[in-house]
C-alpha atoms as a PDB file:
ATOM      1  CA  MET A   1      70.699 108.440 107.665  1.00  0.00           C
ATOM      2  CA  GLN A   2      70.248 104.767 106.531  1.00  0.00           C
ATOM      3  CA  VAL A   3      70.199 102.327 109.609  1.00  0.00           C
ATOM      4  CA  LYS A   4      70.294  98.528 109.543  1.00  0.00           C
ATOM      5  CA  THR A   5      71.048  95.618 112.595  1.00  0.00           C
ATOM      6  CA  PHE A   6      72.945  93.081 111.954  1.00  0.00           C
ATOM      7  CA  THR A   7      72.880  89.641 114.106  1.00  0.00           C
ATOM      8  CA  GLY A   8      75.721  86.506 114.252  1.00  0.00           C
ATOM      9  CA  ALA A   9      76.926  84.374 115.967  1.00  0.00           C
ATOM     10  CA  THR A  10      80.584  86.638 116.572  1.00  0.00           C
ATOM     11  CA  SER A  11      81.539  90.231 116.687  1.00  0.00           C
ATOM     12  CA  GLN A  12      83.670  89.883 113.782  1.00  0.00           C
ATOM     13  CA  GLU A  13      81.416  88.049 111.590  1.00  0.00           C
ATOM     14  CA  ILE A  14      78.855  90.715 112.219  1.00  0.00           C
ATOM     15  CA  LEU A  15      81.589  93.742 111.160  1.00  0.00           C
ATOM     16  CA  ALA A  16      82.427  91.687 108.142  1.00  0.00           C
ATOM     17  CA  ARG A  17      79.203  91.709 106.897  1.00  0.00           C
ATOM     18  CA  ILE A  18      78.570  95.659 107.754  1.00  0.00           C
ATOM     19  CA  LYS A  19      81.731  95.985 106.077  1.00  0.00           C
ATOM     20  CA  VAL A  20      80.634  94.293 102.723  1.00  0.00           C
ATOM     21  CA  GLU A  21      76.734  95.376 102.926  1.00  0.00           C
ATOM     22  CA  MET A  22      77.240  99.170 103.681  1.00  0.00           C
ATOM     23  CA  GLY A  23      80.967 100.011 103.067  1.00  0.00           C
ATOM     24  CA  PRO A  24      84.338 101.055 105.258  1.00  0.00           C
ATOM     25  CA  ASP A  25      81.913 104.424 105.949  1.00  0.00           C
ATOM     26  CA  ALA A  26      79.227 102.983 108.181  1.00  0.00           C
ATOM     27  CA  VAL A  27      79.099 104.032 111.799  1.00  0.00           C
ATOM     28  CA  ILE A  28      78.370 101.714 114.599  1.00  0.00           C
ATOM     29  CA  LEU A  29      75.553 102.687 116.815  1.00  0.00           C
ATOM     30  CA  GLY A  30      75.005 100.033 119.481  1.00  0.00           C
ATOM     31  CA  ASN A  31      75.801  96.958 120.165  1.00  0.00           C
ATOM     32  CA  ARG A  32      74.512  94.194 122.458  1.00  0.00           C
ATOM     33  CA  THR A  33      74.944  90.386 123.431  1.00  0.00           C
ATOM     34  CA  TYR A  34      71.667  87.932 124.332  1.00  0.00           C
ATOM     35  CA  ARG A  35      70.801  84.598 124.851  1.00  0.00           C
ATOM     36  CA  LYS A  36      68.191  82.880 122.554  1.00  0.00           C
ATOM     37  CA  ASN A  37      67.052  79.457 123.171  1.00  0.00           C
ATOM     38  CA  GLY A  38      70.496  78.897 125.313  1.00  0.00           C
ATOM     39  CA  VAL A  39      72.461  80.463 122.286  1.00  0.00           C
ATOM     40  CA  VAL A  40      74.700  83.562 122.479  1.00  0.00           C
ATOM     41  CA  CYS A  41      73.601  86.221 119.871  1.00  0.00           C
ATOM     42  CA  HIS A  42      75.387  89.339 119.428  1.00  0.00           C
ATOM     43  CA  GLU A  43      73.354  92.596 117.306  1.00  0.00           C
ATOM     44  CA  ILE A  44      75.082  95.820 116.211  1.00  0.00           C
ATOM     45  CA  THR A  45      73.145  98.304 114.827  1.00  0.00           C
ATOM     46  CA  ALA A  46      74.784 100.436 112.057  1.00  0.00           C
ATOM     47  CA  GLY A  47      74.526 103.457 110.368  1.00  0.00           C
ATOM     48  CA  LEU A  48      75.439 105.196 107.076  1.00  0.00           C
ATOM     49  CA  GLU A  49      75.419 108.967 105.890  1.00  0.00           C
ATOM     50  CA  ARG A  50      73.689 109.510 102.732  1.00  0.00           C
ATOM     51  CA  PRO A  51      75.317 111.748 100.513  1.00  0.00           C
ATOM     52  CA  LYS A  52      75.120 114.810 101.146  1.00  0.00           C
ATOM     53  CA  THR A  53      72.441 117.480  98.875  1.00  0.00           C
ATOM     54  CA  GLU A  54      72.590 120.931  98.234  1.00  0.00           C
ATOM     55  CA  SER A  55      70.670 123.159  99.781  1.00  0.00           C
ATOM     56  CA  ALA A  56      69.595 126.902  99.912  1.00  0.00           C
ATOM     57  CA  GLY A  57      72.116 127.277 102.708  1.00  0.00           C
ATOM     58  CA  GLY A  58      75.065 125.674 100.494  1.00  0.00           C
ATOM     59  CA  ALA A  59      76.590 121.883 100.879  1.00  0.00           C
ATOM     60  CA  GLY A  60      78.028 121.030 104.236  1.00  0.00           C
ATOM     61  CA  ALA A  61      78.485 118.407 106.674  1.00  0.00           C
ATOM     62  CA  PRO A  62      75.718 118.628 109.562  1.00  0.00           C
ATOM     63  CA  ALA A  63      76.336 120.865 112.866  1.00  0.00           C
ATOM     64  CA  GLY A  64      78.384 118.672 114.858  1.00  0.00           C
ATOM     65  CA  TRP A  65      80.002 116.457 112.418  1.00  0.00           C
ATOM     66  CA  GLY A  66      83.351 116.495 113.330  1.00  0.00           C
ATOM     67  CA  GLU A  67      83.386 115.761 116.748  1.00  0.00           C
ATOM     68  CA  TRP A  68      80.525 113.250 116.348  1.00  0.00           C
ATOM     69  CA  HIS A  69      83.084 111.641 113.568  1.00  0.00           C
ATOM     70  CA  ARG A  70      86.397 111.953 115.883  1.00  0.00           C
ATOM     71  CA  ASP A  71      83.659 109.919 118.770  1.00  0.00           C
ATOM     72  CA  TRP A  72      82.947 107.129 116.190  1.00  0.00           C
ATOM     73  CA  MET A  73      86.548 106.747 115.143  1.00  0.00           C
ATOM     74  CA  GLN A  74      87.691 106.537 118.784  1.00  0.00           C
ATOM     75  CA  LEU A  75      84.639 103.927 119.484  1.00  0.00           C
ATOM     76  CA  LYS A  76      85.466 102.115 116.763  1.00  0.00           C
ATOM     77  CA  ASP A  77      89.018 101.411 117.908  1.00  0.00           C
ATOM     78  CA  GLN A  78      87.912 100.294 121.025  1.00  0.00           C
ATOM     79  CA  ILE A  79      85.912  97.763 119.327  1.00  0.00           C
ATOM     80  CA  PHE A  80      88.967  96.322 117.693  1.00  0.00           C
ATOM     81  CA  ALA A  81      90.837  96.204 120.757  1.00  0.00           C
ATOM     82  CA  LEU A  82      88.573  94.293 122.468  1.00  0.00           C
ATOM     83  CA  MET A  83      88.350  91.795 119.124  1.00  0.00           C
ATOM     84  CA  LYS A  84      92.677  91.743 119.317  1.00  0.00           C
ATOM     85  CA  PRO A  85      92.479  89.390 122.215  1.00  0.00           C
ATOM     86  CA  ALA A  86      90.376  86.992 119.761  1.00  0.00           C
ATOM     87  CA  ILE A  87      92.948  86.523 117.472  1.00  0.00           C
ATOM     88  CA  GLN A  88      94.708  83.339 118.724  1.00  0.00           C
ATOM     89  CA  LEU A  89      97.746  83.080 116.526  1.00  0.00           C
ATOM     90  CA  GLU A  90      98.452  79.761 117.086  1.00  0.00           C
ATOM     91  CA  ARG A  91      96.210  79.016 114.964  1.00  0.00           C
ATOM     92  CA  LEU A  92      98.650  80.279 112.480  1.00  0.00           C
ATOM     93  CA  THR A  93     101.839  79.061 111.027  1.00  0.00           C
ATOM     94  CA  PRO A  94     104.771  80.588 112.004  1.00  0.00           C
ATOM     95  CA  ARG A  95     105.416  82.287 108.600  1.00  0.00           C
ATOM     96  CA  GLN A  96     102.292  83.710 109.077  1.00  0.00           C
ATOM     97  CA  ARG A  97     102.110  85.035 112.883  1.00  0.00           C
ATOM     98  CA  VAL A  98     105.157  86.545 112.014  1.00  0.00           C
ATOM     99  CA  ALA A  99     104.151  88.484 109.400  1.00  0.00           C
ATOM    100  CA  LEU A 100     101.097  89.590 110.718  1.00  0.00           C
ATOM    101  CA  GLU A 101     102.929  90.896 114.060  1.00  0.00           C
ATOM    102  CA  TYR A 102     105.260  92.725 111.868  1.00  0.00           C
ATOM    103  CA  LEU A 103     102.753  94.265 110.332  1.00  0.00           C
ATOM    104  CA  GLN A 104     100.953  95.577 112.932  1.00  0.00           C
ATOM    105  CA  ARG A 105     104.248  97.158 114.229  1.00  0.00           C
ATOM    106  CA  GLU A 106     104.363  98.863 110.880  1.00  0.00           C
ATOM    107  CA  GLY A 107     101.307 100.608 111.589  1.00  0.00           C
ATOM    108  CA  VAL A 108      98.262  98.619 110.008  1.00  0.00           C
ATOM    109  CA  SER A 109      95.558  99.252 111.449  1.00  0.00           C
ATOM    110  CA  ASP A 110      93.737  96.307 113.393  1.00  0.00           C
ATOM    111  CA  SER A 111      90.389  96.672 111.834  1.00  0.00           C
ATOM    112  CA  VAL A 112      92.964  95.229 108.781  1.00  0.00           C
ATOM    113  CA  ALA A 113      95.072  92.615 111.407  1.00  0.00           C
ATOM    114  CA  VAL A 114      91.557  91.103 111.759  1.00  0.00           C
ATOM    115  CA  ASP A 115      90.277  90.873 108.344  1.00  0.00           C
ATOM    116  CA  LEU A 116      94.098  89.513 107.240  1.00  0.00           C
ATOM    117  CA  TYR A 117      93.639  87.175 110.499  1.00  0.00           C
ATOM    118  CA  LYS A 118      89.714  85.705 108.789  1.00  0.00           C
ATOM    119  CA  ARG A 119      91.577  85.408 105.538  1.00  0.00           C
ATOM    120  CA  LEU A 120      94.269  83.614 106.592  1.00  0.00           C
ATOM    121  CA  LEU A 121      92.053  81.033 108.593  1.00  0.00           C
ATOM    122  CA  ALA A 122      89.656  80.648 105.426  1.00  0.00           C
ATOM    123  CA  GLU A 123      92.557  79.496 103.404  1.00  0.00           C
ATOM    124  CA  PRO A 124      95.217  77.844 105.697  1.00  0.00           C
ATOM    125  CA  GLY A 125      97.101  77.122 102.404  1.00  0.00           C
ATOM    126  CA  ALA A 126      97.697  80.097 101.338  1.00  0.00           C
ATOM    127  CA  SER A 127     100.708  82.705 101.617  1.00  0.00           C
ATOM    128  CA  VAL A 128     100.458  85.855 103.586  1.00  0.00           C
ATOM    129  CA  LEU A 129     101.406  88.258 100.440  1.00  0.00           C
ATOM    130  CA  GLU A 130      98.603  85.727  98.804  1.00  0.00           C
ATOM    131  CA  CYS A 131      95.765  87.350 101.244  1.00  0.00           C
ATOM    132  CA  LEU A 132      97.451  90.451 100.989  1.00  0.00           C
ATOM    133  CA  CYS A 133      97.722  91.261  97.335  1.00  0.00           C
ATOM    134  CA  ASP A 134      93.778  90.868  97.232  1.00  0.00           C
ATOM    135  CA  MET A 135      93.359  93.494  99.762  1.00  0.00           C
ATOM    136  CA  VAL A 136      95.932  96.040  98.278  1.00  0.00           C
ATOM    137  CA  PRO A 137      95.372  96.085  94.656  1.00  0.00           C
ATOM    138  CA  VAL A 138      98.079  97.261  92.103  1.00  0.00           C
ATOM    139  CA  LYS A 139      97.348  98.983  89.228  1.00  0.00           C
ATOM    140  CA  THR A 140     101.017  99.695  87.287  1.00  0.00           C
ATOM    141  CA  TRP A 141     101.597 103.194  86.128  1.00  0.00           C
ATOM    142  CA  GLY A 142     101.808 103.492  81.906  1.00  0.00           C
ATOM    143  CA  THR A 143      99.487 103.080  78.846  1.00  0.00           C
ATOM    144  CA  GLU A 144      99.369  99.620  78.826  1.00  0.00           C
ATOM    145  CA  HIS A 145      97.013  99.862  81.985  1.00  0.00           C
ATOM    146  CA  TRP A 146      95.902 103.172  81.939  1.00  0.00           C
ATOM    147  CA  ARG A 147      94.261 104.003  78.965  1.00  0.00           C
ATOM    148  CA  GLN A 148      92.292 107.201  79.326  1.00  0.00           C
ATOM    149  CA  ARG A 149      93.897 109.933  77.794  1.00  0.00           C
ATOM    150  CA  ILE A 150      93.164 112.278  80.502  1.00  0.00           C
ATOM    151  CA  HIS A 151      94.668 112.309  83.822  1.00  0.00           C
ATOM    152  CA  LEU A 152      93.384 114.127  87.205  1.00  0.00           C
ATOM    153  CA  MET A 153      96.522 114.583  89.021  1.00  0.00           C
ATOM    154  CA  ALA A 154      95.000 115.484  92.885  1.00  0.00           C
ATOM    155  CA  GLY A 155      95.941 115.497  96.323  1.00  0.00           C
ATOM    156  CA  PRO A 156      96.942 117.883  99.514  1.00  0.00           C
ATOM    157  CA  PHE A 157      99.214 120.750  98.836  1.00  0.00           C
ATOM    158  CA  GLY A 158     102.792 119.681  99.721  1.00  0.00           C
ATOM    159  CA  LEU A 159     102.488 116.170  98.540  1.00  0.00           C
ATOM    160  CA  GLY A 160     104.244 115.994  95.369  1.00  0.00           C
ATOM    161  CA  LYS A 161     100.933 116.221  92.749  1.00  0.00           C
ATOM    162  CA  THR A 162     102.934 118.435  90.221  1.00  0.00           C
ATOM    163  CA  THR A 163     106.328 116.665  90.589  1.00  0.00           C
ATOM    164  CA  THR A 164     104.120 113.534  90.145  1.00  0.00           C
ATOM    165  CA  ALA A 165     102.464 114.592  87.100  1.00  0.00           C
ATOM    166  CA  LEU A 166     105.828 115.435  85.497  1.00  0.00           C
ATOM    167  CA  ARG A 167     107.046 112.242  86.650  1.00  0.00           C
ATOM    168  CA  PHE A 168     103.883 110.585  85.099  1.00  0.00           C
ATOM    169  CA  ALA A 169     104.709 112.605  81.448  1.00  0.00           C
ATOM    170  CA  LEU A 170     108.721 111.545  81.619  1.00  0.00           C
ATOM    171  CA  HIS A 171     107.806 107.944  81.901  1.00  0.00           C
ATOM    172  CA  LEU A 172     105.303 108.031  79.013  1.00  0.00           C
ATOM    173  CA  ARG A 173     107.876 110.177  76.945  1.00  0.00           C
ATOM    174  CA  ARG A 174     110.807 107.684  77.819  1.00  0.00           C
ATOM    175  CA  ASN A 175     108.548 104.726  76.587  1.00  0.00           C
ATOM    176  CA  ASP A 176     107.398 106.762  73.545  1.00  0.00           C
ATOM    177  CA  PRO A 177     109.642 109.521  72.486  1.00  0.00           C
ATOM    178  CA  GLU A 178     106.742 110.742  69.901  1.00  0.00           C
ATOM    179  CA  ALA A 179     104.202 111.157  72.461  1.00  0.00           C
ATOM    180  CA  ARG A 180     102.135 114.260  72.426  1.00  0.00           C
ATOM    181  CA  ILE A 181     102.056 115.105  75.731  1.00  0.00           C
ATOM    182  CA  ALA A 182     100.135 117.932  77.673  1.00  0.00           C
ATOM    183  CA  PHE A 183      99.793 119.829  80.709  1.00  0.00           C
ATOM    184  CA  ILE A 184      96.764 121.932  82.049  1.00  0.00           C
ATOM    185  CA  ASN A 185      97.482 124.004  85.090  1.00  0.00           C
ATOM    186  CA  ALA A 186      94.067 124.077  87.116  1.00  0.00           C
ATOM    187  CA  ASP A 187      96.714 125.135  90.167  1.00  0.00           C
ATOM    188  CA  CYS A 188      97.211 128.759  88.948  1.00  0.00           C
ATOM    189  CA  LEU A 189      97.402 130.759  92.330  1.00  0.00           C
ATOM    190  CA  ARG A 190     100.695 128.714  94.048  1.00  0.00           C
ATOM    191  CA  GLY A 191     103.672 130.687  92.247  1.00  0.00           C
ATOM    192  CA  ASN A 192     106.235 127.937  92.491  1.00  0.00           C
ATOM    193  CA  GLY A 193     104.814 124.992  91.675  1.00  0.00           C
ATOM    194  CA  ARG A 194     103.489 126.766  88.628  1.00  0.00           C
ATOM    195  CA  LEU A 195     106.913 127.989  87.775  1.00  0.00           C
ATOM    196  CA  ILE A 196     108.120 124.417  88.035  1.00  0.00           C
ATOM    197  CA  LEU A 197     105.533 123.552  85.973  1.00  0.00           C
ATOM    198  CA  ARG A 198     105.677 125.520  83.262  1.00  0.00           C
ATOM    199  CA  HIS A 199     109.522 125.222  83.321  1.00  0.00           C
ATOM    200  CA  TRP A 200     109.843 121.651  82.824  1.00  0.00           C
ATOM    201  CA  ALA A 201     107.336 121.582  80.280  1.00  0.00           C
ATOM    202  CA  GLU A 202     108.964 124.063  77.798  1.00  0.00           C
ATOM    203  CA  LEU A 203     112.177 122.003  78.513  1.00  0.00           C
ATOM    204  CA  SER A 204     110.185 118.759  77.592  1.00  0.00           C
ATOM    205  CA  ASN A 205     108.435 120.075  75.001  1.00  0.00           C
ATOM    206  CA  PHE A 206     105.437 119.475  76.321  1.00  0.00           C
ATOM    207  CA  SER A 207     102.092 121.990  75.991  1.00  0.00           C
ATOM    208  CA  TYR A 208     101.011 124.206  78.547  1.00  0.00           C
ATOM    209  CA  MET A 209      98.185 126.305  79.334  1.00  0.00           C
ATOM    210  CA  GLU A 210      96.366 127.729  82.537  1.00  0.00           C
ATOM    211  CA  ALA A 211      93.121 127.038  83.282  1.00  0.00           C
ATOM    212  CA  PRO A 212      91.465 128.413  86.353  1.00  0.00           C
ATOM    213  CA  ASP A 213      87.641 128.699  85.584  1.00  0.00           C
ATOM    214  CA  LYS A 214      85.283 126.592  83.706  1.00  0.00           C
ATOM    215  CA  ALA A 215      85.246 128.351  80.342  1.00  0.00           C
ATOM    216  CA  SER A 216      89.120 128.621  80.290  1.00  0.00           C
ATOM    217  CA  MET A 217      89.103 124.988  81.116  1.00  0.00           C
ATOM    218  CA  GLU A 218      86.715 124.293  78.162  1.00  0.00           C
ATOM    219  CA  HIS A 219      89.277 126.182  75.896  1.00  0.00           C
ATOM    220  CA  ALA A 220      92.247 124.046  76.779  1.00  0.00           C
ATOM    221  CA  LEU A 221      90.684 120.685  76.754  1.00  0.00           C
ATOM    222  CA  ALA A 222      89.668 121.934  72.738  1.00  0.00           C
ATOM    223  CA  ALA A 223      93.314 123.006  72.347  1.00  0.00           C
ATOM    224  CA  THR A 224      94.734 119.818  73.632  1.00  0.00           C
ATOM    225  CA  ARG A 225      92.386 117.292  72.055  1.00  0.00           C
ATOM    226  CA  GLU A 226      95.307 116.289  69.629  1.00  0.00           C
ATOM    227  CA  ALA A 227      97.847 115.356  72.147  1.00  0.00           C
ATOM    228  CA  SER A 228      97.821 111.718  73.338  1.00  0.00           C
ATOM    229  CA  ALA A 229      98.063 112.279  77.274  1.00  0.00           C
ATOM    230  CA  VAL A 230      96.611 115.596  79.002  1.00  0.00           C
ATOM    231  CA  PHE A 231      97.748 116.036  82.969  1.00  0.00           C
ATOM    232  CA  ILE A 232      95.537 118.481  84.874  1.00  0.00           C
ATOM    233  CA  ASP A 233      96.831 119.197  87.658  1.00  0.00           C
ATOM    234  CA  VAL A 234      94.043 120.284  90.360  1.00  0.00           C
ATOM    235  CA  PRO A 235      94.242 122.484  93.103  1.00  0.00           C
ATOM    236  CA  GLY A 236      94.645 121.310  96.512  1.00  0.00           C
ATOM    237  CA  LEU A 237      91.107 121.317  98.486  1.00  0.00           C
ATOM    238  CA  ASP A 238      90.317 122.669 101.677  1.00  0.00           C
ATOM    239  CA  ARG A 239      88.451 120.622 104.222  1.00  0.00           C
ATOM    240  CA  ASN A 240      85.137 122.203 102.868  1.00  0.00           C
ATOM    241  CA  GLY A 241      85.696 121.439  99.863  1.00  0.00           C
ATOM    242  CA  SER A 242      85.553 118.315  97.328  1.00  0.00           C
ATOM    243  CA  LEU A 243      87.064 116.339  94.374  1.00  0.00           C
ATOM    244  CA  ALA A 244      83.545 115.840  93.048  1.00  0.00           C
ATOM    245  CA  SER A 245      82.173 119.793  93.673  1.00  0.00           C
ATOM    246  CA  TRP A 246      85.281 121.068  91.712  1.00  0.00           C
ATOM    247  CA  LYS A 247      84.963 118.946  89.023  1.00  0.00           C
ATOM    248  CA  ALA A 248      81.275 120.161  88.503  1.00  0.00           C
ATOM    249  CA  ASP A 249      82.266 123.729  88.881  1.00  0.00           C
ATOM    250  CA  MET A 250      84.728 123.282  86.188  1.00  0.00           C
ATOM    251  CA  GLY A 251      82.591 120.897  83.557  1.00  0.00           C
ATOM    252  CA  LEU A 252      84.730 117.855  84.169  1.00  0.00           C
ATOM    253  CA  ASP A 253      81.960 116.055  85.892  1.00  0.00           C
ATOM    254  CA  ASN A 254      80.935 113.822  82.500  1.00  0.00           C
ATOM    255  CA  VAL A 255      84.671 113.936  80.859  1.00  0.00           C
ATOM    256  CA  GLU A 256      86.188 110.441  80.457  1.00  0.00           C
ATOM    257  CA  SER A 257      89.373 110.860  82.884  1.00  0.00           C
ATOM    258  CA  ALA A 258      91.492 109.002  85.620  1.00  0.00           C
ATOM    259  CA  THR A 259      92.198 110.543  89.188  1.00  0.00           C
ATOM    260  CA  HIS A 260      95.414 109.835  90.697  1.00  0.00           C
ATOM    261  CA  LEU A 261      95.568 110.725  94.485  1.00  0.00           C
ATOM    262  CA  THR A 262      99.133 111.375  95.899  1.00  0.00           C
ATOM    263  CA  LEU A 263      99.437 110.557  99.531  1.00  0.00           C
ATOM    264  CA  SER A 264     102.230 109.766 102.045  1.00  0.00           C
ATOM    265  CA  PRO A 265     102.494 107.311 104.804  1.00  0.00           C
ATOM    266  CA  PHE A 266     103.155 109.186 108.014  1.00  0.00           C
ATOM    267  CA  PHE A 267      99.556 110.563 107.856  1.00  0.00           C
ATOM    268  CA  ASP A 268      97.775 109.400 111.112  1.00  0.00           C
ATOM    269  CA  ALA A 269      94.308 107.470 110.523  1.00  0.00           C
ATOM    270  CA  LEU A 270      92.124 110.485 110.925  1.00  0.00           C
ATOM    271  CA  GLN A 271      93.840 112.730 108.134  1.00  0.00           C
ATOM    272  CA  THR A 272      93.930 110.233 105.662  1.00  0.00           C
ATOM    273  CA  GLN A 273      90.137 109.555 106.090  1.00  0.00           C
ATOM    274  CA  ALA A 274      89.430 112.854 105.901  1.00  0.00           C
ATOM    275  CA  PHE A 275      91.939 112.827 102.688  1.00  0.00           C
ATOM    276  CA  LEU A 276      90.107 110.443 101.078  1.00  0.00           C
ATOM    277  CA  GLN A 277      86.756 111.669 101.638  1.00  0.00           C
ATOM    278  CA  ARG A 278      87.519 114.729 100.257  1.00  0.00           C
ATOM    279  CA  TYR A 279      89.419 113.980  97.286  1.00  0.00           C
ATOM    280  CA  LYS A 280      87.044 110.521  96.452  1.00  0.00           C
ATOM    281  CA  SER A 281      85.974 110.361  93.030  1.00  0.00           C
ATOM    282  CA  THR A 282      84.065 107.831  90.636  1.00  0.00           C
ATOM    283  CA  GLY A 283      85.712 106.544  87.702  1.00  0.00           C
ATOM    284  CA  PRO A 284      89.318 105.302  87.468  1.00  0.00           C
ATOM    285  CA  GLY A 285      91.644 106.161  90.021  1.00  0.00           C
ATOM    286  CA  SER A 286      94.894 105.107  92.008  1.00  0.00           C
ATOM    287  CA  ILE A 287      97.099 106.114  94.608  1.00  0.00           C
ATOM    288  CA  VAL A 288     100.938 107.448  94.423  1.00  0.00           C
ATOM    289  CA  TRP A 289     102.650 107.454  97.005  1.00  0.00           C
ATOM    290  CA  THR A 290     104.943 110.470  98.034  1.00  0.00           C
ATOM    291  CA  LYS A 291     107.977 111.317 100.109  1.00  0.00           C
ATOM    292  CA  LEU A 292     108.827 107.525 100.611  1.00  0.00           C
ATOM    293  CA  ASP A 293     112.312 108.425 101.918  1.00  0.00           C
ATOM    294  CA  GLU A 294     111.237 110.549 104.374  1.00  0.00           C
ATOM    295  CA  ALA A 295     108.682 108.025 106.149  1.00  0.00           C
ATOM    296  CA  VAL A 296     109.786 105.404 108.909  1.00  0.00           C
ATOM    297  CA  SER A 297     107.282 102.830 108.372  1.00  0.00           C
ATOM    298  CA  PHE A 298     104.700 101.435 105.525  1.00  0.00           C
ATOM    299  CA  GLY A 299     102.127 100.135 106.832  1.00  0.00           C
ATOM    300  CA  ASN A 300      99.425 102.886 105.867  1.00  0.00           C
ATOM    301  CA  ILE A 301      99.309 101.850 102.525  1.00  0.00           C
ATOM    302  CA  VAL A 302      97.750  98.782 103.691  1.00  0.00           C
ATOM    303  CA  ASN A 303      95.211 100.753 105.343  1.00  0.00           C
ATOM    304  CA  VAL A 304      94.572 103.354 102.435  1.00  0.00           C
ATOM    305  CA  ALA A 305      94.364 100.170 100.390  1.00  0.00           C
ATOM    306  CA  CYS A 306      91.549  98.806 102.043  1.00  0.00           C
ATOM    307  CA  GLN A 307      89.682 101.662 102.832  1.00  0.00           C
ATOM    308  CA  ALA A 308      89.451 102.903  99.683  1.00  0.00           C
ATOM    309  CA  GLY A 309      89.749 100.196  97.287  1.00  0.00           C
ATOM    310  CA  LEU A 310      91.774 102.184  94.892  1.00  0.00           C
ATOM    311  CA  PRO A 311      94.846 100.190  93.226  1.00  0.00           C
ATOM    312  CA  VAL A 312      99.048 101.596  93.937  1.00  0.00           C
ATOM    313  CA  SER A 313     100.029 102.803  90.520  1.00  0.00           C
ATOM    314  CA  ALA A 314     103.371 104.541  91.306  1.00  0.00           C
ATOM    315  CA  LEU A 315     105.878 105.065  94.034  1.00  0.00           C
ATOM    316  CA  SER A 316     107.852 108.456  94.398  1.00  0.00           C
ATOM    317  CA  PHE A 317     110.954 109.127  96.275  1.00  0.00           C
ATOM    318  CA  GLY A 318     113.621 111.869  96.436  1.00  0.00           C
ATOM    319  CA  ALA A 319     113.534 115.175  95.080  1.00  0.00           C
ATOM    320  CA  GLU A 320     114.819 114.667  92.113  1.00  0.00           C
ATOM    321  CA  LEU A 321     112.675 114.678  88.637  1.00  0.00           C
ATOM    322  CA  LYS A 322     114.378 111.830  87.075  1.00  0.00           C
ATOM    323  CA  GLU A 323     114.965 108.598  88.724  1.00  0.00           C
ATOM    324  CA  SER A 324     112.807 108.806  91.277  1.00  0.00           C
ATOM    325  CA  LEU A 325     109.223 107.427  90.306  1.00  0.00           C
ATOM    326  CA  ALA A 326     108.671 103.421  89.641  1.00  0.00           C
ATOM    327  CA  PRO A 327     105.790 102.202  88.348  1.00  0.00           C
ATOM    328  CA  ALA A 328     104.411 100.309  91.095  1.00  0.00           C
ATOM    329  CA  THR A 329     104.552  96.206  90.333  1.00  0.00           C
ATOM    330  CA  GLU A 330     103.367  93.762  93.715  1.00  0.00           C
ATOM    331  CA  PRO A 331     107.411  93.070  94.582  1.00  0.00           C
ATOM    332  CA  LEU A 332     108.080  96.859  94.855  1.00  0.00           C
ATOM    333  CA  VAL A 333     105.300  97.381  97.178  1.00  0.00           C
ATOM    334  CA  TRP A 334     106.108  94.230  99.332  1.00  0.00           C
ATOM    335  CA  ARG A 335     109.415  94.907  99.163  1.00  0.00           C
ATOM    336  CA  LEU A 336     108.990  98.450 100.710  1.00  0.00           C
ATOM    337  CA  ILE A 337     106.732  97.511 103.309  1.00  0.00           C
ATOM    338  CA  PHE A 338     108.057  94.179 104.900  1.00  0.00           C
ATOM    339  CA  LYS A 339     112.048  95.346 104.161  1.00  0.00           C
ATOM    340  CA  ARG A 340     111.334  99.141 103.844  1.00  0.00           C
ATOM    341  CA  GLN A 341     113.194  99.201 100.729  1.00  0.00           C
ATOM    342  CA  LEU A 342     112.653 102.047  98.700  1.00  0.00           C
ATOM    343  CA  PRO A 343     112.645 101.175  94.513  1.00  0.00           C
ATOM    344  CA  GLY A 344     116.592 100.708  93.093  1.00  0.00           C
ATOM    345  CA  GLN A 345     117.913  99.917  96.249  1.00  0.00           C
ATOM    346  CA  ALA A 346     119.973  97.223  97.023  1.00  0.00           C
ATOM    347  CA  ALA A 347     118.344  94.665  99.181  1.00  0.00           C
END
């Protein structure tokens, strides 16, 4: 574990430095307050787990990791709970104050609320949306912004990654009727998703192949090399798996691609963090928010954007394949969060 001690005038300042220098996965190991030459100083020690390495016993988290990680999450929540009283809402404009209070009611985490508060104080003339747009990037789905030919569709079981792949393909076909689109199904063990993907691929004149192992994946990639867009349906991973390991096993770790992770906003912070860790991938990527019509609040969209650093590419809602996915734009995202308004709905 990499361990580093930070000192500063306030805990908020130190936590911000830790996030910048060590990333969101840094763990607070200890903190103390002391006086030096009559001045109050704060000191926080943070640690960062080194990347896991293969060993004779196989890759995996160290013994006790799950319990230790839960304890850390509770400690972090307590730290930010202590910091919240230091937020002086009277220093904000009435509009900024109302927006910040609303976001907290919608489930935006304390750490994100503190970050937004500091941004607003640093730029007194900025609107809340200007600051939020820096925190929640958007990269609209479509060939204009996504130049990659191969797209990995990843995500937990039941959150719509297969139907999202079909919706992405139908969107491309609608904008370019001559586009040659192919599907490679690596999630061959689930009968329902497999049948849906194959059925719609045949109806829409998309190429369809199955690739449960490395050899068949190499064959499928070679057979679809003339396609303008290839969607690979990645199988759901259990809690001991990782997308990076799966890509290496399938020979995809050196293939240029973009990874689109499907998530829904109604998971708690611990489960969402586990998903982000499990499906973390290098290279271009995005978050597709699905099942929005089943959610009651959308503050978690802001939390995940700040934690994962991935842009939102699309918003998905409803059970139908057509007219149920909207390429994300900043107005759509913020109407969803602040007005609970799904794309296509009247205000």
